[in-house]
C-alpha atoms as a PDB file:
ATOM      1  CA  MET A   1      13.808  14.991   1.822  1.00  0.00           C
ATOM      2  CA  LEU A   2      12.175  13.022  -0.818  1.00  0.00           C
ATOM      3  CA  LYS A   3      10.523  15.075  -3.776  1.00  0.00           C
ATOM      4  CA  ILE A   4       7.902  13.629  -6.261  1.00  0.00           C
ATOM      5  CA  GLY A   5       6.924  16.226  -8.703  1.00  0.00           C
ATOM      6  CA  THR A   6       5.750  19.172  -6.717  1.00  0.00           C
ATOM      7  CA  LEU A   7       5.165  16.786  -3.305  1.00  0.00           C
ATOM      8  CA  LYS A   8       7.621  17.395  -0.762  1.00  0.00           C
ATOM      9  CA  LEU A   9       8.121  14.344   1.911  1.00  0.00           C
ATOM     10  CA  LYS A  10      10.126  14.374   4.914  1.00  0.00           C
ATOM     11  CA  SER A  11       9.862  10.549   5.191  1.00  0.00           C
ATOM     12  CA  ASN A  12      10.806   8.142   2.331  1.00  0.00           C
ATOM     13  CA  LEU A  13       8.614   5.459   3.855  1.00  0.00           C
ATOM     14  CA  ILE A  14       5.196   4.672   2.224  1.00  0.00           C
ATOM     15  CA  LEU A  15       2.325   3.065   3.332  1.00  0.00           C
ATOM     16  CA  ALA A  16       1.109   1.159   0.174  1.00  0.00           C
ATOM     17  CA  PRO A  17      -2.527   0.773  -1.152  1.00  0.00           C
ATOM     18  CA  MET A  18      -3.931  -2.749  -0.368  1.00  0.00           C
ATOM     19  CA  ALA A  19      -7.270  -3.650  -1.100  1.00  0.00           C
ATOM     20  CA  GLY A  20      -9.269  -4.404   1.737  1.00  0.00           C
ATOM     21  CA  ILE A  21      -6.847  -2.904   3.968  1.00  0.00           C
ATOM     22  CA  THR A  22      -5.818   0.783   3.625  1.00  0.00           C
ATOM     23  CA  ASP A  23      -9.353   2.323   4.935  1.00  0.00           C
ATOM     24  CA  LEU A  24      -9.353   5.274   6.848  1.00  0.00           C
ATOM     25  CA  PRO A  25      -8.640   3.805  10.168  1.00  0.00           C
ATOM     26  CA  PHE A  26      -5.720   1.522   9.256  1.00  0.00           C
ATOM     27  CA  ARG A  27      -3.913   4.592   7.296  1.00  0.00           C
ATOM     28  CA  MET A  28      -4.666   7.104  10.699  1.00  0.00           C
ATOM     29  CA  LEU A  29      -3.220   4.141  12.765  1.00  0.00           C
ATOM     30  CA  ASN A  30      -0.090   3.808  10.769  1.00  0.00           C
ATOM     31  CA  ARG A  31       0.282   7.661  10.758  1.00  0.00           C
ATOM     32  CA  ARG A  32       0.423   7.868  14.632  1.00  0.00           C
ATOM     33  CA  PHE A  33       3.897   5.597  13.995  1.00  0.00           C
ATOM     34  CA  GLY A  34       5.708   7.380  11.212  1.00  0.00           C
ATOM     35  CA  CYS A  35       3.454   7.010   8.319  1.00  0.00           C
ATOM     36  CA  GLU A  36       3.989  10.244   6.292  1.00  0.00           C
ATOM     37  CA  LEU A  37       2.236   9.355   3.237  1.00  0.00           C
ATOM     38  CA  ALA A  38      -0.286   6.660   2.889  1.00  0.00           C
ATOM     39  CA  PHE A  39      -2.557   5.251   0.150  1.00  0.00           C
ATOM     40  CA  VAL A  40      -6.289   4.502  -0.105  1.00  0.00           C
ATOM     41  CA  GLU A  41      -7.096   1.390  -1.627  1.00  0.00           C
ATOM     42  CA  MET A  42      -6.693   0.751  -4.988  1.00  0.00           C
ATOM     43  CA  ILE A  43      -9.602   2.164  -7.158  1.00  0.00           C
ATOM     44  CA  ASN A  44     -10.952   0.837 -10.198  1.00  0.00           C
ATOM     45  CA  SER A  45     -11.741   3.362 -12.632  1.00  0.00           C
ATOM     46  CA  SER A  46     -15.174   1.848 -13.951  1.00  0.00           C
ATOM     47  CA  SER A  47     -16.895   1.607 -10.198  1.00  0.00           C
ATOM     48  CA  ILE A  48     -15.446   5.612  -9.960  1.00  0.00           C
ATOM     49  CA  SER A  49     -16.626   6.513 -12.975  1.00  0.00           C
ATOM     50  CA  HIS A  50     -20.154   5.522 -11.642  1.00  0.00           C
ATOM     51  CA  LYS A  51     -19.780   6.981  -8.323  1.00  0.00           C
ATOM     52  CA  SER A  52     -20.990   3.808  -6.318  1.00  0.00           C
ATOM     53  CA  LYS A  53     -21.629   4.138  -2.534  1.00  0.00           C
ATOM     54  CA  ARG A  54     -18.737   1.286  -1.607  1.00  0.00           C
ATOM     55  CA  THR A  55     -16.225   3.322  -4.092  1.00  0.00           C
ATOM     56  CA  GLN A  56     -16.938   6.480  -2.211  1.00  0.00           C
ATOM     57  CA  LYS A  57     -16.508   4.988   1.153  1.00  0.00           C
ATOM     58  CA  MET A  58     -13.320   3.957   0.702  1.00  0.00           C
ATOM     59  CA  ILE A  59     -12.094   7.319  -0.546  1.00  0.00           C
ATOM     60  CA  SER A  60     -12.991   8.761   2.733  1.00  0.00           C
ATOM     61  CA  SER A  61     -10.925  10.644   4.716  1.00  0.00           C
ATOM     62  CA  ASN A  62     -10.681  13.762   6.738  1.00  0.00           C
ATOM     63  CA  LYS A  63      -8.581  17.171   7.454  1.00  0.00           C
ATOM     64  CA  PHE A  64      -5.832  15.279   9.298  1.00  0.00           C
ATOM     65  CA  GLU A  65      -5.076  12.862   6.402  1.00  0.00           C
ATOM     66  CA  ARG A  66      -2.236  14.763   4.876  1.00  0.00           C
ATOM     67  CA  PRO A  67      -0.195  13.963   2.446  1.00  0.00           C
ATOM     68  CA  LEU A  68      -2.703  11.185   0.903  1.00  0.00           C
ATOM     69  CA  GLY A  69      -2.612   9.177  -2.237  1.00  0.00           C
ATOM     70  CA  MET A  70      -4.904   7.621  -4.421  1.00  0.00           C
ATOM     71  CA  GLN A  71      -4.215   4.767  -6.582  1.00  0.00           C
ATOM     72  CA  LEU A  72      -6.154   4.053 -10.082  1.00  0.00           C
ATOM     73  CA  LEU A  73      -6.740   0.824 -11.671  1.00  0.00           C
ATOM     74  CA  GLY A  74      -7.961   0.496 -15.336  1.00  0.00           C
ATOM     75  CA  CYS A  75      -7.053   0.015 -19.009  1.00  0.00           C
ATOM     76  CA  GLU A  76     -10.185   1.532 -20.801  1.00  0.00           C
ATOM     77  CA  GLU A  77      -9.180   5.085 -22.313  1.00  0.00           C
ATOM     78  CA  LYS A  78     -12.949   6.046 -22.271  1.00  0.00           C
ATOM     79  CA  PHE A  79     -13.262   5.146 -18.611  1.00  0.00           C
ATOM     80  CA  MET A  80     -10.244   6.716 -17.624  1.00  0.00           C
ATOM     81  CA  GLN A  81     -11.571   9.944 -18.929  1.00  0.00           C
ATOM     82  CA  ARG A  82     -14.596   9.880 -16.803  1.00  0.00           C
ATOM     83  CA  ALA A  83     -12.637   8.567 -13.705  1.00  0.00           C
ATOM     84  CA  MET A  84     -10.303  11.557 -13.522  1.00  0.00           C
ATOM     85  CA  ASP A  85     -13.459  13.714 -13.767  1.00  0.00           C
ATOM     86  CA  VAL A  86     -14.892  12.178 -10.435  1.00  0.00           C
ATOM     87  CA  ILE A  87     -11.700  11.963  -8.710  1.00  0.00           C
ATOM     88  CA  ASN A  88     -10.488  15.509  -9.262  1.00  0.00           C
ATOM     89  CA  GLU A  89     -13.706  16.060  -6.949  1.00  0.00           C
ATOM     90  CA  TYR A  90     -11.598  14.916  -4.047  1.00  0.00           C
ATOM     91  CA  ASP A  91      -8.569  16.029  -2.232  1.00  0.00           C
ATOM     92  CA  PHE A  92      -5.791  14.294  -2.329  1.00  0.00           C
ATOM     93  CA  ASP A  93      -1.745  14.965  -2.796  1.00  0.00           C
ATOM     94  CA  ILE A  94      -0.523  12.210  -5.281  1.00  0.00           C
ATOM     95  CA  LEU A  95      -2.476   9.719  -7.991  1.00  0.00           C
ATOM     96  CA  ASP A  96      -0.526   6.252  -9.090  1.00  0.00           C
ATOM     97  CA  PHE A  97      -1.812   4.386 -11.505  1.00  0.00           C
ATOM     98  CA  ASN A  98      -1.535   0.800 -11.002  1.00  0.00           C
ATOM     99  CA  ALA A  99       0.143  -1.513 -13.814  1.00  0.00           C
ATOM    100  CA  ALA A 100       1.162  -4.230 -11.311  1.00  0.00           C
ATOM    101  CA  CYS A 101      -1.663  -5.712  -9.813  1.00  0.00           C
ATOM    102  CA  PRO A 102      -1.361  -9.598 -10.110  1.00  0.00           C
ATOM    103  CA  VAL A 103      -4.716 -11.016  -9.220  1.00  0.00           C
ATOM    104  CA  LYS A 104      -6.342 -13.134 -11.964  1.00  0.00           C
ATOM    105  CA  LYS A 105      -9.582 -11.412 -12.152  1.00  0.00           C
ATOM    106  CA  VAL A 106      -7.894  -8.086 -12.626  1.00  0.00           C
ATOM    107  CA  VAL A 107      -5.353  -9.251 -15.229  1.00  0.00           C
ATOM    108  CA  ARG A 108      -8.067 -10.880 -16.942  1.00  0.00           C
ATOM    109  CA  ARG A 109      -9.538  -7.584 -17.558  1.00  0.00           C
ATOM    110  CA  GLY A 110      -6.554  -6.295 -19.159  1.00  0.00           C
ATOM    111  CA  GLU A 111      -5.873  -4.090 -16.075  1.00  0.00           C
ATOM    112  CA  GLY A 112      -3.110  -4.258 -13.353  1.00  0.00           C
ATOM    113  CA  ALA A 113       0.266  -6.285 -14.393  1.00  0.00           C
ATOM    114  CA  ALA A 114      -1.419  -6.999 -17.885  1.00  0.00           C
ATOM    115  CA  LEU A 115      -0.220  -3.320 -19.198  1.00  0.00           C
ATOM    116  CA  LEU A 116       3.267  -4.611 -18.599  1.00  0.00           C
ATOM    117  CA  LYS A 117       2.781  -6.742 -22.177  1.00  0.00           C
ATOM    118  CA  ASP A 118       1.614  -3.544 -23.752  1.00  0.00           C
ATOM    119  CA  PRO A 119       3.664  -0.918 -22.678  1.00  0.00           C
ATOM    120  CA  GLY A 120       2.437   1.599 -25.494  1.00  0.00           C
ATOM    121  CA  LYS A 121      -0.841   1.237 -23.899  1.00  0.00           C
ATOM    122  CA  LEU A 122       0.138   2.044 -20.766  1.00  0.00           C
ATOM    123  CA  SER A 123       1.845   4.946 -21.988  1.00  0.00           C
ATOM    124  CA  ARG A 124      -1.339   6.439 -24.076  1.00  0.00           C
ATOM    125  CA  ILE A 125      -3.352   5.712 -20.398  1.00  0.00           C
ATOM    126  CA  LEU A 126      -1.058   7.671 -18.377  1.00  0.00           C
ATOM    127  CA  LYS A 127      -0.771  10.431 -20.755  1.00  0.00           C
ATOM    128  CA  ILE A 128      -4.391  10.874 -20.284  1.00  0.00           C
ATOM    129  CA  VAL A 129      -3.732  10.656 -16.367  1.00  0.00           C
ATOM    130  CA  VAL A 130      -1.046  13.229 -16.225  1.00  0.00           C
ATOM    131  CA  LYS A 131      -3.205  15.701 -18.662  1.00  0.00           C
ATOM    132  CA  LYS A 132      -6.580  15.452 -16.312  1.00  0.00           C
ATOM    133  CA  THR A 133      -4.783  16.157 -12.687  1.00  0.00           C
ATOM    134  CA  LYS A 134      -3.026  18.585 -11.286  1.00  0.00           C
ATOM    135  CA  VAL A 135      -1.078  16.580  -8.675  1.00  0.00           C
ATOM    136  CA  PRO A 136       1.804  14.263  -9.461  1.00  0.00           C
ATOM    137  CA  VAL A 137       1.320  11.276 -11.376  1.00  0.00           C
ATOM    138  CA  THR A 138       3.161   7.902 -10.512  1.00  0.00           C
ATOM    139  CA  VAL A 139       2.918   4.632 -11.816  1.00  0.00           C
ATOM    140  CA  LYS A 140       2.978   1.117 -10.129  1.00  0.00           C
ATOM    141  CA  ILE A 141       5.268  -1.442 -12.135  1.00  0.00           C
ATOM    142  CA  ARG A 142       6.588  -5.065 -11.798  1.00  0.00           C
ATOM    143  CA  SER A 143       9.759  -6.708 -13.022  1.00  0.00           C
ATOM    144  CA  GLY A 144       8.070  -7.870 -16.068  1.00  0.00           C
ATOM    145  CA  TRP A 145       5.248 -10.497 -16.756  1.00  0.00           C
ATOM    146  CA  ASP A 146       7.403 -13.445 -16.363  1.00  0.00           C
ATOM    147  CA  LYS A 147      10.852 -14.593 -15.904  1.00  0.00           C
ATOM    148  CA  ASP A 148      10.739 -14.451 -20.171  1.00  0.00           C
ATOM    149  CA  SER A 149       9.614 -11.131 -20.190  1.00  0.00           C
ATOM    150  CA  ILE A 150      11.591  -9.082 -17.935  1.00  0.00           C
ATOM    151  CA  ASN A 151      10.680  -5.246 -19.089  1.00  0.00           C
ATOM    152  CA  ALA A 152      10.817  -2.883 -16.233  1.00  0.00           C
ATOM    153  CA  VAL A 153      13.363  -0.655 -17.348  1.00  0.00           C
ATOM    154  CA  GLU A 154      11.532  -0.437 -20.962  1.00  0.00           C
ATOM    155  CA  VAL A 155       8.274   0.192 -19.215  1.00  0.00           C
ATOM    156  CA  ALA A 156       9.391   2.653 -16.715  1.00  0.00           C
ATOM    157  CA  LEU A 157      11.390   4.812 -19.668  1.00  0.00           C
ATOM    158  CA  SER A 158       8.098   4.946 -21.044  1.00  0.00           C
ATOM    159  CA  CYS A 159       6.422   6.138 -18.129  1.00  0.00           C
ATOM    160  CA  GLN A 160       8.783   8.867 -17.848  1.00  0.00           C
ATOM    161  CA  ASP A 161       8.361  10.013 -21.082  1.00  0.00           C
ATOM    162  CA  ALA A 162       4.664   9.994 -20.779  1.00  0.00           C
ATOM    163  CA  GLY A 163       4.961  12.468 -18.044  1.00  0.00           C
ATOM    164  CA  ALA A 164       5.352  10.144 -14.460  1.00  0.00           C
ATOM    165  CA  SER A 165       6.824  11.923 -11.328  1.00  0.00           C
ATOM    166  CA  GLY A 166       7.834   8.700  -9.942  1.00  0.00           C
ATOM    167  CA  VAL A 167       8.042   4.951 -10.596  1.00  0.00           C
ATOM    168  CA  PHE A 168       6.666   2.017  -7.863  1.00  0.00           C
ATOM    169  CA  ILE A 169       8.496  -1.203  -8.751  1.00  0.00           C
ATOM    170  CA  HIS A 170       7.948  -4.436  -7.087  1.00  0.00           C
ATOM    171  CA  GLY A 171      10.949  -6.735  -7.858  1.00  0.00           C
ATOM    172  CA  ARG A 172       8.811  -9.657  -8.600  1.00  0.00           C
ATOM    173  CA  THR A 173       7.145 -10.750 -11.869  1.00  0.00           C
ATOM    174  CA  ARG A 174       3.141 -10.992 -12.587  1.00  0.00           C
ATOM    175  CA  ALA A 175       3.782 -15.331 -12.489  1.00  0.00           C
ATOM    176  CA  GLN A 176       5.209 -14.773  -9.286  1.00  0.00           C
ATOM    177  CA  GLY A 177       2.803 -13.246  -7.615  1.00  0.00           C
ATOM    178  CA  TYR A 178       3.975 -12.635  -4.244  1.00  0.00           C
ATOM    179  CA  SER A 179       6.323 -16.006  -4.107  1.00  0.00           C
ATOM    180  CA  GLY A 180       9.758 -16.560  -4.926  1.00  0.00           C
ATOM    181  CA  VAL A 181      12.554 -14.139  -4.103  1.00  0.00           C
ATOM    182  CA  VAL A 182      12.587 -10.231  -5.057  1.00  0.00           C
ATOM    183  CA  ASP A 183      14.965  -9.106  -7.863  1.00  0.00           C
ATOM    184  CA  TYR A 184      17.382  -6.467  -6.194  1.00  0.00           C
ATOM    185  CA  GLY A 185      18.886  -6.031  -9.685  1.00  0.00           C
ATOM    186  CA  ILE A 186      15.868  -4.806 -12.067  1.00  0.00           C
ATOM    187  CA  ILE A 187      15.024  -2.170  -9.558  1.00  0.00           C
ATOM    188  CA  ARG A 188      18.604  -1.419  -9.562  1.00  0.00           C
ATOM    189  CA  GLU A 189      18.817  -0.995 -13.458  1.00  0.00           C
ATOM    190  CA  VAL A 190      15.515   0.752 -13.089  1.00  0.00           C
ATOM    191  CA  LYS A 191      17.110   3.366 -10.525  1.00  0.00           C
ATOM    192  CA  LYS A 192      20.079   3.758 -13.212  1.00  0.00           C
ATOM    193  CA  ALA A 193      17.975   4.102 -16.650  1.00  0.00           C
ATOM    194  CA  ILE A 194      15.278   7.160 -15.150  1.00  0.00           C
ATOM    195  CA  LYS A 195      15.432  10.517 -13.709  1.00  0.00           C
ATOM    196  CA  ILE A 196      12.556  10.539 -11.706  1.00  0.00           C
ATOM    197  CA  PRO A 197      12.479   9.041  -8.164  1.00  0.00           C
ATOM    198  CA  VAL A 198      12.342   5.225  -7.637  1.00  0.00           C
ATOM    199  CA  ILE A 199      10.206   3.548  -4.779  1.00  0.00           C
ATOM    200  CA  ALA A 200      11.354  -0.027  -4.188  1.00  0.00           C
ATOM    201  CA  SER A 201       8.715  -2.275  -3.235  1.00  0.00           C
ATOM    202  CA  GLY A 202       8.799  -6.180  -2.133  1.00  0.00           C
ATOM    203  CA  ASP A 203       8.866  -7.956   1.389  1.00  0.00           C
ATOM    204  CA  ILE A 204       9.708  -4.795   3.919  1.00  0.00           C
ATOM    205  CA  PHE A 205       8.953  -6.791   6.548  1.00  0.00           C
ATOM    206  CA  SER A 206      11.767  -5.305   8.866  1.00  0.00           C
ATOM    207  CA  PRO A 207      14.318  -2.675   9.407  1.00  0.00           C
ATOM    208  CA  GLN A 208      16.546  -4.927   7.975  1.00  0.00           C
ATOM    209  CA  PHE A 209      15.099  -5.810   4.575  1.00  0.00           C
ATOM    210  CA  ALA A 210      14.386  -1.826   4.488  1.00  0.00           C
ATOM    211  CA  LYS A 211      18.166  -1.409   4.756  1.00  0.00           C
ATOM    212  CA  ARG A 212      18.960  -4.194   2.265  1.00  0.00           C
ATOM    213  CA  MET A 213      16.270  -2.668  -0.065  1.00  0.00           C
ATOM    214  CA  PHE A 214      18.139   0.916  -0.075  1.00  0.00           C
ATOM    215  CA  ASP A 215      21.675  -0.710  -0.158  1.00  0.00           C
ATOM    216  CA  GLU A 216      21.325  -2.831  -2.964  1.00  0.00           C
ATOM    217  CA  THR A 217      18.804  -0.929  -5.278  1.00  0.00           C
ATOM    218  CA  GLY A 218      19.706   2.784  -4.706  1.00  0.00           C
ATOM    219  CA  SER A 219      15.837   3.262  -4.307  1.00  0.00           C
ATOM    220  CA  ASP A 220      14.608   7.285  -3.424  1.00  0.00           C
ATOM    221  CA  ALA A 221      12.306   5.468  -1.082  1.00  0.00           C
ATOM    222  CA  VAL A 222      10.427   2.115  -0.377  1.00  0.00           C
ATOM    223  CA  ILE A 223       6.726   1.560   0.124  1.00  0.00           C
ATOM    224  CA  ILE A 224       5.635  -0.745   2.726  1.00  0.00           C
ATOM    225  CA  ALA A 225       2.514  -3.275   2.308  1.00  0.00           C
ATOM    226  CA  ARG A 226       2.155  -6.720   3.981  1.00  0.00           C
ATOM    227  CA  GLY A 227       4.853  -5.667   6.527  1.00  0.00           C
ATOM    228  CA  ALA A 228       2.492  -2.746   8.170  1.00  0.00           C
ATOM    229  CA  LEU A 229      -0.041  -5.583   8.718  1.00  0.00           C
ATOM    230  CA  GLY A 230      -0.699  -5.794  12.761  1.00  0.00           C
ATOM    231  CA  ASN A 231       2.546  -3.889  12.596  1.00  0.00           C
ATOM    232  CA  PRO A 232       2.137  -0.137  12.615  1.00  0.00           C
ATOM    233  CA  TRP A 233       5.710  -0.141  14.823  1.00  0.00           C
ATOM    234  CA  ILE A 234       7.590  -0.685  11.337  1.00  0.00           C
ATOM    235  CA  PHE A 235       7.753   2.778  10.582  1.00  0.00           C
ATOM    236  CA  ARG A 236       9.476   4.027  13.540  1.00  0.00           C
ATOM    237  CA  GLU A 237      11.260   1.057  13.755  1.00  0.00           C
ATOM    238  CA  ILE A 238      13.174   1.625  10.122  1.00  0.00           C
ATOM    239  CA  THR A 239      13.219   5.073  10.643  1.00  0.00           C
ATOM    240  CA  GLN A 240      15.483   4.609  13.880  1.00  0.00           C
ATOM    241  CA  TYR A 241      17.342   1.772  12.433  1.00  0.00           C
ATOM    242  CA  LEU A 242      18.378   3.502   9.279  1.00  0.00           C
ATOM    243  CA  LYS A 243      19.321   6.026  11.511  1.00  0.00           C
ATOM    244  CA  SER A 244      21.832   4.717  14.299  1.00  0.00           C
ATOM    245  CA  GLY A 245      21.813   1.143  12.898  1.00  0.00           C
ATOM    246  CA  LYS A 246      19.894   0.114  16.065  1.00  0.00           C
ATOM    247  CA  ILE A 247      17.167  -1.919  16.564  1.00  0.00           C
ATOM    248  CA  ILE A 248      14.560  -0.801  19.122  1.00  0.00           C
ATOM    249  CA  ASP A 249      12.618  -3.091  21.508  1.00  0.00           C
ATOM    250  CA  ARG A 250       9.600  -4.713  19.939  1.00  0.00           C
ATOM    251  CA  PRO A 251       6.352  -3.787  21.829  1.00  0.00           C
ATOM    252  CA  SER A 252       5.395  -6.096  24.415  1.00  0.00           C
ATOM    253  CA  PRO A 253       2.102  -8.492  24.082  1.00  0.00           C
ATOM    254  CA  GLN A 254       0.285  -5.759  26.168  1.00  0.00           C
ATOM    255  CA  GLN A 255       1.553  -2.946  24.400  1.00  0.00           C
ATOM    256  CA  VAL A 256       0.584  -4.561  20.926  1.00  0.00           C
ATOM    257  CA  ALA A 257      -2.995  -5.389  22.797  1.00  0.00           C
ATOM    258  CA  GLN A 258      -3.543  -1.775  23.370  1.00  0.00           C
ATOM    259  CA  VAL A 259      -2.768  -0.430  20.060  1.00  0.00           C
ATOM    260  CA  ALA A 260      -5.276  -3.469  18.706  1.00  0.00           C
ATOM    261  CA  ILE A 261      -7.794  -2.493  20.706  1.00  0.00           C
ATOM    262  CA  GLU A 262      -7.467   1.274  19.727  1.00  0.00           C
ATOM    263  CA  HIS A 263      -7.452   0.039  16.139  1.00  0.00           C
ATOM    264  CA  LEU A 264     -10.419  -2.063  16.960  1.00  0.00           C
ATOM    265  CA  LYS A 265     -12.153   1.454  18.566  1.00  0.00           C
ATOM    266  CA  MET A 266     -11.194   3.309  15.030  1.00  0.00           C
ATOM    267  CA  CYS A 267     -13.160   0.541  13.248  1.00  0.00           C
ATOM    268  CA  VAL A 268     -16.368   0.752  14.992  1.00  0.00           C
ATOM    269  CA  ASP A 269     -16.624   4.460  15.023  1.00  0.00           C
ATOM    270  CA  PHE A 270     -15.864   4.215  11.289  1.00  0.00           C
ATOM    271  CA  TYR A 271     -18.074   1.732  10.044  1.00  0.00           C
ATOM    272  CA  GLY A 272     -20.204   0.945  13.084  1.00  0.00           C
ATOM    273  CA  GLU A 273     -20.621  -1.401  15.819  1.00  0.00           C
ATOM    274  CA  ARG A 274     -21.129  -4.551  13.908  1.00  0.00           C
ATOM    275  CA  ASN A 275     -19.635  -3.888  10.737  1.00  0.00           C
ATOM    276  CA  GLY A 276     -16.582  -2.299  12.513  1.00  0.00           C
ATOM    277  CA  ALA A 277     -15.975  -5.679  14.876  1.00  0.00           C
ATOM    278  CA  ILE A 278     -16.597  -8.032  11.811  1.00  0.00           C
ATOM    279  CA  ILE A 279     -14.219  -6.261   9.665  1.00  0.00           C
ATOM    280  CA  PHE A 280     -11.375  -5.756  12.365  1.00  0.00           C
ATOM    281  CA  ARG A 281     -11.509  -9.787  12.363  1.00  0.00           C
ATOM    282  CA  LYS A 282      -9.079  -9.643   9.651  1.00  0.00           C
ATOM    283  CA  PHE A 283      -6.546  -7.624  11.497  1.00  0.00           C
ATOM    284  CA  PHE A 284      -6.856  -9.682  14.639  1.00  0.00           C
ATOM    285  CA  SER A 285      -4.606 -12.853  13.580  1.00  0.00           C
ATOM    286  CA  ARG A 286      -2.140 -10.301  12.350  1.00  0.00           C
ATOM    287  CA  TYR A 287      -1.671  -8.739  15.885  1.00  0.00           C
ATOM    288  CA  THR A 288      -1.640 -11.816  17.712  1.00  0.00           C
ATOM    289  CA  LYS A 289       0.852 -13.439  14.884  1.00  0.00           C
ATOM    290  CA  GLY A 290       3.471 -15.220  17.129  1.00  0.00           C
ATOM    291  CA  PHE A 291       1.397 -15.271  20.072  1.00  0.00           C
ATOM    292  CA  ARG A 292       1.276 -18.775  22.084  1.00  0.00           C
ATOM    293  CA  LYS A 293      -1.848 -20.615  23.351  1.00  0.00           C
ATOM    294  CA  VAL A 294      -4.467 -18.735  21.335  1.00  0.00           C
ATOM    295  CA  ARG A 295      -5.805 -20.591  18.660  1.00  0.00           C
ATOM    296  CA  ARG A 296      -9.347 -21.589  20.715  1.00  0.00           C
ATOM    297  CA  LEU A 297      -9.473 -17.513  21.055  1.00  0.00           C
ATOM    298  CA  ARG A 298      -8.330 -17.048  17.445  1.00  0.00           C
ATOM    299  CA  GLU A 299     -11.376 -19.232  16.663  1.00  0.00           C
ATOM    300  CA  LEU A 300     -13.642 -17.483  18.650  1.00  0.00           C
ATOM    301  CA  SER A 301     -12.824 -14.227  17.250  1.00  0.00           C
ATOM    302  CA  SER A 302     -14.080 -15.442  14.208  1.00  0.00           C
ATOM    303  CA  ARG A 303     -17.639 -14.951  15.521  1.00  0.00           C
ATOM    304  CA  VAL A 304     -17.672 -12.026  17.547  1.00  0.00           C
ATOM    305  CA  LYS A 305     -19.855  -9.439  16.344  1.00  0.00           C
ATOM    306  CA  THR A 306     -19.263  -6.686  19.041  1.00  0.00           C
ATOM    307  CA  ARG A 307     -16.450  -3.936  20.131  1.00  0.00           C
ATOM    308  CA  GLU A 308     -16.392  -5.329  23.660  1.00  0.00           C
ATOM    309  CA  GLU A 309     -16.550  -9.011  22.728  1.00  0.00           C
ATOM    310  CA  MET A 310     -13.184  -8.773  20.218  1.00  0.00           C
ATOM    311  CA  ALA A 311     -11.528  -6.372  22.868  1.00  0.00           C
ATOM    312  CA  GLU A 312     -12.001  -8.996  25.525  1.00  0.00           C
ATOM    313  CA  ILE A 313     -10.299 -11.540  23.518  1.00  0.00           C
ATOM    314  CA  ILE A 314      -7.226  -9.458  22.422  1.00  0.00           C
ATOM    315  CA  ARG A 315      -6.807  -8.506  26.336  1.00  0.00           C
ATOM    316  CA  LYS A 316      -6.628 -12.023  26.765  1.00  0.00           C
ATOM    317  CA  CYS A 317      -4.504 -13.390  24.023  1.00  0.00           C
ATOM    318  CA  ALA A 318      -2.012 -10.836  25.814  1.00  0.00           C
ATOM    319  CA  ASP A 319      -2.674 -11.959  29.273  1.00  0.00           C
ATOM    320  CA  LEU A 320      -1.655 -15.745  27.830  1.00  0.00           C
ATOM    321  CA  GLN A 321       1.584 -14.278  26.839  1.00  0.00           C
ATOM    322  CA  GLU A 322       2.720 -13.694  30.581  1.00  0.00           C
END
């Protein structure tokens, strides 16, 4: 069992928040395959303070979606106060503060990974967040800003002192982005340094990668991001591998197609026919990764505007694999 503050989880596999990805349909689909805790997309404190319609749509959930996590991005203490007032109107089980996002437009505003350069400011913001909510508060960090400023241990200790109930750590620097290799050693150092749970992040693309992360870092849990794109089976596969050491069979092309079509339907039900089909386009290439002879169909998928058009392309892709 994984315990983060007052939140008790049976699984130590968590679905990460991903911008433009972890909407309600995506989260519900992954829950079917063994995901217990899932996060909504990262929310900007300024946007939620103004209650924008787009942000409210991003936060949309339902009664079957528990436990549910929310992730907040920001660097202005005044906006954080307002954002917490709005966030507390929603029903969720854990709140994560993002000090890890490496995107240029984010760090230019002093948000995300930029806060790794100012642990004092990060600590002050966390204290506001912890004080203003009743749910456990975690923080997402990276190993450091660049190879010359690896300060994850210092930052993690500061977050713990500020009242955080857990630390998510991606084993790369901000300068690396998502390239280069994951530093398992720094995650292990953070785990040894703090008393609260450590959830490790970085390249969890298979059961073997997940086991390696646990073995080399001693982390309490792992958080899965890109590894779940077009691959909700990863939660079931990792769970089985950690229990038995056995790799279960990958789904057949027909089984992949069936799940992809179900995901498409969920998108259409949530966003409407046209928007749902268009939004699903970005998932199509993930489901068909490794499929043969589908280049032309992928080109066609970029222009579809209806559920049936997309479903037909998915079926054709699967048939070509036989």
